[in-house]
Amino acid sequence: MVIPAVLLLSSLFSFANGAVVLSAPAQTFAGIGGSGAWWPHDLYQFPDSVRRNLSNLLFSQEGLGLSSYRYNLGGGGLGVSNPVRAPETFYVSKGVYNWSADAQGIYFLKAAAERKVPQLTVFVNSGPRDFTTNGLSCGGLFKNGTEAGYGQYIADTLDHIIHNMNIPVSYLSPFNEPDNSFGPAPCGQEGMQTDPNQRAAVIEGIYAKLAAKGLQNTVGIMADESSSLDRAQSEYPTWLSKVIDKIAVLCHHTYDFPTDARYQNYVNYAKSIAPTKLTWMSEVCCTMGEADGSGRGWSGGYDPTIRGGLHFATLMMQSFIVAGEAHYDFWTLVSNAIGCSPLSNPTCPYSINTDGWQDGLIYYDPDYATNKNYRLYVTKHYWTMKHFGNFLKPGSVRHVVNNTTTAILAVESKTTFALIAINAYGNPTTIPVSFQNTALSLKPTGVYRTSASEDFASVGLPSYTNGAWQLNLAPTSLTSWVFSKN
């Protein structure tokens, strides 16, 4: 069935409670993804069949279809008490490298490249010992006076990954959450505090060394990945104007779990001081709240249910619809913080508990090395994120949807239109949706739903009544409607 998107412009106003997809583009999407921090240390030890299955679950279109993957360039883990969070470093000494280090992380970076993930980022939690004030991978600051040496290390590493490993890296983050050293040692993870008055010099040092290798137009520098919007906004005046021409994008995290108004305030401020730069949301995790996004805030706890999946889907909608941002990365794609023993209690991977963490999409048994449990546990968060990974591809465009209180994401590619909507509540609802573009002809080709009982399940196509597509939303669900353009 091929039907004009709108019969008459005047009909837009004849539908009580009808939503309208506006013609003008709102933003162009850049990527959907997450990081390879920490879990490769363990998953590399799993059977090859499991590693390949995991790679497909993350990077293939049949899986999440991620368009962004963040490789954690390790600092060596000196001072880190948890070996899983102590990634190996290539750095031996000035100009000397061990390129066979971190086989674990490189395996999954290559897996992403082989599956054509278009945006690969290298990010740093801590530089190697020569570049920190305490000679450790946590608990110290970036060491003043080593900017050129650090830049050389970064440039040498990127050059090797790109030209010797044939992995096309697009972006570099030279300091992830520079507001925190994660000390004192012994630390739970790597961290290299880089104060606001240090950041411009570090970026300048890296940019100069990238330029010397001809990589300045190949690898964009993203900064500064502050942990919260408040911190990012308050610290931009100290460093940003000095290197605005040397960074590609402004990245932030949202561990302050901002209100809509606070998020909009940050984006508007960033546009006012850096109008040529986009803002990207590059890390968040670890919130236990309701399906409608309420109750969000930093918290322990594990929720593999549809409530947890919709909670994070609502946060994604906030970044895209409220803030108008083009990019979203979750924190760790895979986690062992399941908070229970799956072999002792087979139902626990699918039940809420207070001992785990909401820091992954897929989980594994932390005791795998002794009990040989190599099973992967897929959460509803995985399935809700698949809707975004599959349909929000780089270059696709969002259109504003008016006249609805339901979060509806309208995404146009060269050949398709996708509508993604959340029903966070316990009653079904139907929303009529029409399109402002009267020249657009659409044919529904698929509808996919994730709910308490469904995982990206194919369901019935929408009907077209009185000039609008009738979108049926099941209780507590996320649904994607896909249309071909004719």
Protein backbone atom coordinates (compact mmCIF):
# COMPACT_ATOMS: atom_id res chain seq x y z
CA MET A 1 0.00 0.00 0.00
CA VAL A 2 1.54 3.28 -1.17
CA ILE A 3 -0.25 6.34 0.17
CA PRO A 4 0.51 10.06 0.07
CA ALA A 5 1.78 11.16 3.44
CA VAL A 6 -0.81 13.95 3.60
CA LEU A 7 -3.90 14.29 1.44
CA LEU A 8 -4.48 18.01 1.97
CA LEU A 9 -2.55 20.47 4.08
CA SER A 10 -5.82 21.59 5.66
CA SER A 11 -6.40 18.04 6.87
CA LEU A 12 -3.52 18.49 9.29
CA PHE A 13 -5.83 20.46 11.51
CA SER A 14 -8.78 18.09 11.35
CA PHE A 15 -7.36 15.39 13.61
CA ALA A 16 -7.95 15.79 17.30
CA ASN A 17 -4.82 14.61 19.10
CA GLY A 18 -3.10 13.85 15.78
CA ALA A 19 0.68 14.14 15.57
CA VAL A 20 2.34 15.86 12.61
CA VAL A 21 5.83 15.17 11.25
CA LEU A 22 7.20 18.51 10.08
CA SER A 23 9.05 18.81 6.78
CA ALA A 24 12.07 20.81 7.92
CA PRO A 25 15.05 18.79 9.18
CA ALA A 26 15.99 19.24 12.83
CA GLN A 27 19.42 17.59 13.03
CA THR A 28 21.55 15.06 11.20
CA PHE A 29 22.56 12.01 13.22
CA ALA A 30 26.22 11.17 13.70
CA GLY A 31 26.28 7.92 15.66
CA ILE A 32 24.82 5.51 18.20
CA GLY A 33 27.19 3.41 20.25
CA GLY A 34 29.07 2.65 23.42
CA SER A 35 32.47 1.76 24.78
CA GLY A 36 34.80 -1.20 24.94
CA ALA A 37 36.00 -0.22 28.37
CA TRP A 38 36.98 -3.10 30.58
CA TRP A 39 34.88 -6.05 29.38
CA PRO A 40 37.32 -7.07 26.57
CA HIS A 41 39.75 -8.14 29.33
CA ASP A 42 37.35 -10.97 30.21
CA LEU A 43 35.49 -11.62 26.98
CA TYR A 44 38.75 -12.19 25.13
CA GLN A 45 39.14 -15.30 27.31
CA PHE A 46 35.78 -16.69 26.18
CA PRO A 47 35.51 -19.34 23.43
CA ASP A 48 35.95 -17.95 19.95
CA SER A 49 32.35 -18.79 19.05
CA VAL A 50 31.13 -16.59 21.93
CA ARG A 51 33.46 -13.74 20.98
CA ARG A 52 32.19 -13.83 17.40
CA ASN A 53 28.59 -14.02 18.57
CA LEU A 54 29.13 -11.03 20.86
CA SER A 55 30.73 -9.05 18.04
CA ASN A 56 27.69 -9.73 15.86
CA LEU A 57 25.30 -8.85 18.67
CA LEU A 58 26.98 -5.46 19.01
CA PHE A 59 28.15 -4.48 15.56
CA SER A 60 26.04 -6.20 12.89
CA GLN A 61 22.73 -4.84 11.63
CA GLU A 62 21.12 -8.09 12.76
CA GLY A 63 22.29 -7.10 16.25
CA LEU A 64 22.44 -3.59 17.64
CA GLY A 65 23.75 -2.17 14.38
CA LEU A 66 25.95 0.29 16.25
CA SER A 67 27.50 3.10 14.24
CA SER A 68 29.93 4.18 16.99
CA TYR A 69 32.44 2.21 19.05
CA ARG A 70 34.83 3.64 21.62
CA TYR A 71 38.13 1.81 22.16
CA ASN A 72 39.75 2.42 25.55
CA LEU A 73 43.45 3.16 25.03
CA GLY A 74 44.92 1.85 28.28
CA GLY A 75 47.47 3.55 30.46
CA GLY A 76 48.83 0.32 31.92
CA GLY A 77 46.63 0.07 34.98
CA LEU A 78 49.32 1.07 37.49
CA GLY A 79 47.66 1.60 40.86
CA VAL A 80 44.35 0.05 39.76
CA SER A 81 43.23 -2.73 42.09
CA ASN A 82 40.74 -4.35 39.71
CA PRO A 83 42.64 -6.13 36.90
CA VAL A 84 39.59 -6.03 34.62
CA ARG A 85 39.79 -2.23 34.73
CA ALA A 86 43.55 -2.04 34.18
CA PRO A 87 44.02 -2.17 30.39
CA GLU A 88 47.49 -2.78 29.02
CA THR A 89 49.42 0.04 27.36
CA PHE A 90 51.43 0.04 24.15
CA TYR A 91 53.81 2.58 25.70
CA VAL A 92 57.16 1.28 26.99
CA SER A 93 59.23 4.45 27.02
CA LYS A 94 59.75 7.50 24.83
CA GLY A 95 59.52 6.28 21.23
CA VAL A 96 59.40 2.61 22.27
CA TYR A 97 56.19 0.61 22.00
CA ASN A 98 54.93 -2.91 22.49
CA TRP A 99 52.37 -3.22 19.72
CA SER A 100 51.36 -6.70 20.84
CA ALA A 101 49.91 -5.31 24.08
CA ASP A 102 46.17 -5.17 24.70
CA ALA A 103 45.28 -8.00 22.35
CA GLN A 104 41.97 -8.09 24.21
CA GLY A 105 40.89 -4.58 23.33
CA ILE A 106 42.27 -4.71 19.80
CA TYR A 107 40.32 -7.91 19.07
CA PHE A 108 36.98 -6.15 19.55
CA LEU A 109 38.15 -2.93 17.89
CA LYS A 110 39.02 -5.02 14.83
CA ALA A 111 35.68 -6.81 15.10
CA ALA A 112 33.92 -3.44 14.94
CA ALA A 113 36.01 -2.37 11.94
CA GLU A 114 35.42 -5.66 10.13
CA ARG A 115 31.68 -5.21 10.58
CA LYS A 116 31.93 -1.73 9.09
CA VAL A 117 31.10 0.32 12.18
CA PRO A 118 31.60 3.75 10.58
CA GLN A 119 32.80 5.72 13.60
CA LEU A 120 35.66 4.38 15.71
CA THR A 121 36.95 6.47 18.60
CA VAL A 122 40.06 6.05 20.73
CA PHE A 123 39.54 7.43 24.23
CA VAL A 124 41.91 7.75 27.18
CA ASN A 125 41.10 7.41 30.86
CA SER A 126 44.77 7.82 31.80
CA GLY A 127 48.01 8.27 29.96
CA PRO A 128 51.00 6.02 30.73
CA ARG A 129 53.17 6.62 33.80
CA ASP A 130 55.48 9.22 32.20
CA PHE A 131 52.57 11.62 31.75
CA THR A 132 51.02 11.60 35.24
CA THR A 133 52.23 13.41 38.34
CA ASN A 134 52.37 10.27 40.49
CA GLY A 135 53.61 7.83 37.86
CA LEU A 136 50.40 5.82 38.19
CA SER A 137 47.33 5.30 36.03
CA CYS A 138 45.04 6.85 38.62
CA GLY A 139 45.09 9.24 41.54
CA GLY A 140 47.30 11.81 39.81
CA LEU A 141 47.10 14.72 37.40
CA PHE A 142 48.39 15.21 33.90
CA LYS A 143 52.07 16.13 34.26
CA ASN A 144 52.78 19.67 33.08
CA GLY A 145 55.59 19.92 30.57
CA THR A 146 54.85 16.56 28.94
CA GLU A 147 52.32 17.84 26.41
CA ALA A 148 54.60 17.26 23.42
CA GLY A 149 55.60 13.81 24.64
CA TYR A 150 52.01 12.84 25.29
CA GLY A 151 51.04 14.16 21.88
CA GLN A 152 53.79 12.09 20.27
CA TYR A 153 52.61 8.95 22.08
CA ILE A 154 49.03 9.56 20.95
CA ALA A 155 50.06 10.31 17.35
CA ASP A 156 52.36 7.28 17.16
CA THR A 157 49.61 5.04 18.51
CA LEU A 158 46.95 6.34 16.15
CA ASP A 159 49.34 6.10 13.21
CA HIS A 160 50.05 2.46 14.05
CA ILE A 161 46.38 1.55 14.53
CA ILE A 162 45.36 3.24 11.29
CA HIS A 163 48.24 2.29 8.99
CA ASN A 164 49.61 -0.94 10.44
CA MET A 165 46.46 -2.49 11.86
CA ASN A 166 44.30 -1.03 9.06
CA ILE A 167 41.66 0.18 11.51
CA PRO A 168 40.09 3.49 10.41
CA VAL A 169 39.92 5.58 13.59
CA SER A 170 37.81 8.73 13.25
CA TYR A 171 38.10 10.43 16.63
CA LEU A 172 40.37 10.79 19.64
CA SER A 173 39.37 11.72 23.18
CA PRO A 174 42.63 12.64 24.97
CA PHE A 175 41.14 12.74 28.48
CA ASN A 176 37.90 11.09 29.50
CA GLU A 177 36.29 12.73 32.54
CA PRO A 178 39.31 14.95 33.23
CA ASP A 179 37.57 16.22 36.34
CA ASN A 180 38.35 13.01 38.23
CA SER A 181 41.55 11.07 38.98
CA PHE A 182 39.52 8.21 40.51
CA GLY A 183 42.08 8.10 43.32
CA PRO A 184 43.63 7.65 45.69
CA ALA A 185 45.44 4.46 44.83
CA PRO A 186 44.60 1.65 45.00
CA CYS A 187 41.88 2.80 42.62
CA GLY A 188 38.83 1.17 41.13
CA GLN A 189 39.70 2.31 37.60
CA GLU A 190 42.13 4.43 35.59
CA GLY A 191 41.83 8.20 35.77
CA MET A 192 44.05 11.18 34.94
CA GLN A 193 42.80 14.48 36.26
CA THR A 194 43.47 17.22 33.75
CA ASP A 195 42.53 20.59 35.14
CA PRO A 196 40.77 23.17 32.96
CA ASN A 197 43.91 25.31 32.76
CA GLN A 198 45.83 22.30 31.38
CA ARG A 199 43.42 21.14 28.70
CA ALA A 200 44.24 23.59 25.93
CA ALA A 201 47.96 22.83 26.12
CA VAL A 202 47.31 19.08 25.99
CA ILE A 203 45.09 19.48 22.94
CA GLU A 204 47.64 21.75 21.24
CA GLY A 205 50.39 19.20 21.89
CA ILE A 206 48.35 16.39 20.38
CA TYR A 207 47.16 18.41 17.41
CA ALA A 208 50.72 19.41 16.50
CA LYS A 209 51.90 15.79 16.52
CA LEU A 210 48.87 14.62 14.54
CA ALA A 211 49.59 17.33 11.98
CA ALA A 212 53.21 16.22 11.74
CA LYS A 213 51.95 12.80 10.68
CA GLY A 214 49.28 14.20 8.38
CA LEU A 215 46.49 12.88 10.60
CA GLN A 216 44.90 16.15 11.69
CA ASN A 217 42.15 15.83 9.06
CA THR A 218 41.73 12.08 9.56
CA VAL A 219 41.29 11.96 13.33
CA GLY A 220 39.16 14.63 14.99
CA ILE A 221 39.81 15.60 18.61
CA MET A 222 36.75 15.46 20.85
CA ALA A 223 36.76 17.21 24.22
CA ASP A 224 36.41 17.41 27.06
CA GLU A 225 34.06 14.63 28.15
CA SER A 226 33.32 16.25 31.49
CA SER A 227 31.16 14.10 33.73
CA SER A 228 28.27 16.55 33.92
CA LEU A 229 26.73 19.45 32.01
CA ASP A 230 27.23 21.82 34.94
CA ARG A 231 30.93 21.07 35.09
CA ALA A 232 31.40 21.28 31.32
CA GLN A 233 29.61 24.62 31.09
CA SER A 234 31.47 26.17 34.00
CA GLU A 235 34.88 25.10 32.70
CA TYR A 236 34.58 25.88 28.97
CA PRO A 237 35.59 29.55 29.45
CA THR A 238 38.98 28.47 30.83
CA TRP A 239 40.17 26.48 27.81
CA LEU A 240 37.78 26.18 24.88
CA SER A 241 38.43 29.44 23.02
CA LYS A 242 42.18 28.70 22.90
CA VAL A 243 41.72 25.51 20.88
CA ILE A 244 38.33 25.92 19.24
CA ASP A 245 39.98 25.48 15.84
CA LYS A 246 41.65 22.23 16.91
CA ILE A 247 38.69 20.25 18.18
CA ALA A 248 36.07 18.55 16.04
CA VAL A 249 33.21 18.19 18.51
CA LEU A 250 32.26 19.06 22.09
CA CYS A 251 31.56 15.89 24.06
CA HIS A 252 29.94 15.70 27.46
CA HIS A 253 28.56 13.08 29.82
CA THR A 254 25.22 13.35 31.62
CA TYR A 255 25.92 11.96 35.06
CA ASP A 256 24.01 14.91 36.48
CA PHE A 257 20.90 13.43 34.79
CA PRO A 258 19.70 16.87 33.78
CA THR A 259 16.16 18.13 33.54
CA ASP A 260 14.96 19.09 30.07
CA ALA A 261 15.41 22.78 30.88
CA ARG A 262 18.96 22.24 32.16
CA TYR A 263 19.90 20.21 29.08
CA GLN A 264 18.54 22.89 26.75
CA ASN A 265 20.40 25.58 28.70
CA TYR A 266 23.69 23.73 28.23
CA VAL A 267 23.17 23.22 24.49
CA ASN A 268 22.19 26.86 23.99
CA TYR A 269 25.26 28.00 25.91
CA ALA A 270 27.56 25.76 23.87
CA LYS A 271 26.08 27.14 20.66
CA SER A 272 26.63 30.69 21.88
CA ILE A 273 30.36 30.22 22.51
CA ALA A 274 31.13 27.60 19.84
CA PRO A 275 28.51 28.03 17.11
CA THR A 276 30.39 25.86 14.60
CA LYS A 277 30.72 22.86 16.93
CA LEU A 278 28.18 20.14 17.65
CA THR A 279 27.63 18.78 21.15
CA TRP A 280 27.58 15.00 21.60
CA MET A 281 26.48 12.89 24.56
CA SER A 282 29.28 10.34 24.90
CA GLU A 283 28.70 8.54 28.20
CA VAL A 284 26.03 7.69 30.74
CA CYS A 285 25.00 4.67 32.80
CA CYS A 286 23.89 3.58 36.22
CA THR A 287 20.43 4.90 36.93
CA MET A 288 17.46 3.00 38.32
CA GLY A 289 14.23 4.75 37.46
CA GLU A 290 10.84 4.39 35.86
CA ALA A 291 9.96 3.65 32.25
CA ASP A 292 9.01 7.29 31.65
CA GLY A 293 12.46 8.50 32.74
CA SER A 294 11.37 9.70 36.15
CA GLY A 295 13.45 8.77 39.16
CA ARG A 296 16.68 9.05 37.21
CA GLY A 297 19.88 9.65 39.11
CA TRP A 298 23.20 8.00 39.89
CA SER A 299 22.47 4.71 41.59
CA GLY A 300 23.53 1.13 41.95
CA GLY A 301 21.11 -1.62 41.04
CA TYR A 302 20.45 -3.96 38.12
CA ASP A 303 17.27 -3.83 36.04
CA PRO A 304 17.17 -6.09 32.97
CA THR A 305 13.41 -5.64 32.55
CA ILE A 306 11.41 -3.52 30.15
CA ARG A 307 11.29 -0.81 32.83
CA GLY A 308 15.07 -0.46 32.68
CA GLY A 309 15.11 -0.63 28.89
CA LEU A 310 12.53 2.11 28.50
CA HIS A 311 14.19 4.21 31.19
CA PHE A 312 17.32 4.52 29.07
CA ALA A 313 15.34 4.83 25.83
CA THR A 314 13.64 7.85 27.37
CA LEU A 315 17.04 9.37 28.19
CA MET A 316 18.06 8.83 24.56
CA MET A 317 14.90 10.59 23.43
CA GLN A 318 15.83 13.50 25.70
CA SER A 319 19.24 13.85 24.04
CA PHE A 320 17.76 13.70 20.53
CA ILE A 321 14.44 15.51 20.86
CA VAL A 322 14.89 17.93 23.75
CA ALA A 323 18.58 18.77 23.30
CA GLY A 324 18.65 18.20 19.54
CA GLU A 325 21.97 16.37 19.75
CA ALA A 326 23.27 14.15 16.98
CA HIS A 327 25.13 11.46 18.87
CA TYR A 328 24.66 9.14 21.85
CA ASP A 329 27.08 6.66 23.42
CA PHE A 330 26.24 4.48 26.38
CA TRP A 331 29.06 3.59 28.78
CA THR A 332 30.13 -0.07 28.78
CA LEU A 333 28.30 -2.20 26.24
CA VAL A 334 29.02 -5.36 28.23
CA SER A 335 29.31 -5.79 32.00
CA ASN A 336 29.92 -8.38 34.69
CA ALA A 337 28.04 -6.32 37.31
CA ILE A 338 25.02 -8.60 37.17
CA GLY A 339 24.73 -8.69 40.95
CA CYS A 340 23.94 -12.39 41.23
CA SER A 341 25.15 -15.90 40.38
CA PRO A 342 23.36 -17.14 37.24
CA LEU A 343 24.34 -20.76 37.78
CA SER A 344 22.98 -20.74 41.31
CA ASN A 345 19.81 -18.88 40.34
CA PRO A 346 18.94 -19.20 36.62
CA THR A 347 16.23 -16.53 36.83
CA CYS A 348 18.41 -13.85 38.40
CA PRO A 349 19.80 -12.45 35.10
CA TYR A 350 16.22 -11.47 34.21
CA SER A 351 15.19 -10.02 37.57
CA ILE A 352 15.81 -6.69 39.28
CA ASN A 353 18.36 -6.68 42.09
CA THR A 354 20.11 -4.06 44.20
CA ASP A 355 23.60 -5.58 44.06
CA GLY A 356 24.38 -5.13 40.37
CA TRP A 357 24.77 -2.07 38.17
CA GLN A 358 22.98 -0.65 35.16
CA ASP A 359 26.25 -0.26 33.26
CA GLY A 360 25.80 -2.70 30.38
CA LEU A 361 23.46 -3.94 27.68
CA ILE A 362 24.76 -7.50 27.78
CA TYR A 363 26.03 -9.19 30.95
CA TYR A 364 28.23 -12.16 31.77
CA ASP A 365 29.03 -14.24 34.83
CA PRO A 366 31.85 -12.61 36.85
CA ASP A 367 32.89 -16.11 37.97
CA TYR A 368 33.26 -17.45 34.41
CA ALA A 369 36.95 -18.28 34.92
CA THR A 370 36.19 -20.82 37.63
CA ASN A 371 32.71 -22.07 36.74
CA LYS A 372 33.18 -21.96 32.93
CA ASN A 373 29.85 -20.22 32.41
CA TYR A 374 30.36 -18.46 29.08
CA ARG A 375 26.75 -17.52 28.52
CA LEU A 376 25.77 -13.98 27.54
CA TYR A 377 22.72 -12.44 29.22
CA VAL A 378 20.87 -9.94 27.03
CA THR A 379 18.74 -7.30 28.75
CA LYS A 380 15.71 -5.35 27.58
CA HIS A 381 18.01 -2.33 27.45
CA TYR A 382 19.82 -4.10 24.62
CA TRP A 383 16.58 -4.56 22.71
CA THR A 384 15.38 -0.99 23.18
CA MET A 385 18.74 0.36 22.06
CA LYS A 386 18.57 -1.84 18.95
CA HIS A 387 15.72 0.35 17.67
CA PHE A 388 18.03 3.36 17.75
CA GLY A 389 21.10 1.51 16.48
CA ASN A 390 19.22 0.01 13.56
CA PHE A 391 17.41 3.13 12.37
CA LEU A 392 19.45 6.20 13.43
CA LYS A 393 22.33 5.86 11.01
CA PRO A 394 24.95 8.56 10.36
CA GLY A 395 23.54 10.94 7.79
CA SER A 396 19.91 10.23 8.65
CA VAL A 397 17.84 13.24 9.65
CA ARG A 398 15.40 13.89 12.48
CA HIS A 399 12.15 15.71 11.88
CA VAL A 400 10.20 17.40 14.65
CA VAL A 401 6.88 15.75 15.55
CA ASN A 402 4.26 18.23 16.77
CA ASN A 403 0.90 17.86 18.49
CA THR A 404 1.74 14.91 20.72
CA THR A 405 2.81 14.39 24.29
CA THR A 406 4.22 10.97 23.38
CA ALA A 407 7.93 10.85 22.61
CA ILE A 408 8.07 10.13 18.87
CA LEU A 409 11.34 10.18 16.97
CA ALA A 410 10.92 10.69 13.21
CA VAL A 411 14.02 9.69 11.25
CA GLU A 412 14.48 10.01 7.50
CA SER A 413 17.16 8.32 5.40
CA LYS A 414 17.58 8.42 1.63
CA THR A 415 15.14 5.55 1.17
CA THR A 416 13.11 5.22 4.38
CA PHE A 417 11.21 6.99 7.11
CA ALA A 418 11.19 5.47 10.61
CA LEU A 419 8.98 6.50 13.50
CA ILE A 420 10.11 5.37 16.96
CA ALA A 421 7.76 5.84 19.91
CA ILE A 422 7.65 4.95 23.59
CA ASN A 423 4.57 4.06 25.58
CA ALA A 424 5.88 4.10 29.13
CA TYR A 425 2.53 3.33 30.71
CA GLY A 426 0.30 0.33 31.31
CA ASN A 427 -2.51 1.08 28.86
CA PRO A 428 -2.44 0.70 25.06
CA THR A 429 -2.88 3.80 22.95
CA THR A 430 -3.21 4.75 19.30
CA ILE A 431 -1.69 7.90 17.84
CA PRO A 432 -2.63 9.13 14.36
CA VAL A 433 0.42 10.55 12.59
CA SER A 434 0.44 12.57 9.38
CA PHE A 435 3.23 14.27 7.45
CA GLN A 436 3.48 17.93 6.55
CA ASN A 437 5.24 17.09 3.30
CA THR A 438 2.33 16.64 0.88
CA ALA A 439 4.62 15.26 -1.85
CA LEU A 440 5.82 12.35 0.26
CA SER A 441 4.50 8.86 -0.53
CA LEU A 442 5.11 6.13 2.00
CA LYS A 443 4.70 2.37 2.11
CA PRO A 444 4.90 0.58 5.48
CA THR A 445 7.45 -2.23 5.30
CA GLY A 446 7.91 -3.30 8.92
CA VAL A 447 6.92 -2.69 12.51
CA TYR A 448 9.12 -3.84 15.39
CA ARG A 449 8.21 -3.87 19.05
CA THR A 450 10.05 -4.42 22.31
CA SER A 451 7.91 -5.03 25.38
CA ALA A 452 7.93 -7.20 28.48
CA SER A 453 7.24 -10.25 26.29
CA GLU A 454 8.76 -9.18 22.95
CA ASP A 455 12.31 -8.52 21.74
CA PHE A 456 12.29 -6.41 18.57
CA ALA A 457 9.37 -8.58 17.42
CA SER A 458 7.76 -8.05 14.03
CA VAL A 459 4.13 -6.98 14.49
CA GLY A 460 1.30 -5.80 12.24
CA LEU A 461 1.61 -2.91 9.81
CA PRO A 462 -0.22 0.34 10.56
CA SER A 463 -3.50 1.24 8.91
CA TYR A 464 -4.05 4.51 7.06
CA THR A 465 -7.29 6.25 8.05
CA ASN A 466 -8.52 9.79 7.43
CA GLY A 467 -5.16 10.92 6.10
CA ALA A 468 -3.04 9.60 8.97
CA TRP A 469 -1.14 6.49 9.89
CA GLN A 470 -2.58 4.86 12.99
CA LEU A 471 0.29 3.96 15.31
CA ASN A 472 -0.74 1.34 17.85
CA LEU A 473 1.40 1.41 20.99
CA ALA A 474 1.18 -1.60 23.27
CA PRO A 475 1.47 -1.08 27.03
CA THR A 476 4.97 -0.42 28.33
CA SER A 477 6.70 -0.79 24.99
CA LEU A 478 8.97 0.75 22.39
CA THR A 479 7.86 0.43 18.76
CA SER A 480 9.46 1.33 15.43
CA TRP A 481 7.46 1.77 12.23
CA VAL A 482 9.49 1.67 9.03
CA PHE A 483 8.24 3.09 5.72
CA SER A 484 9.83 3.03 2.30
CA LYS A 485 9.78 6.30 0.35
CA ASN A 486 8.41 6.16 -3.17
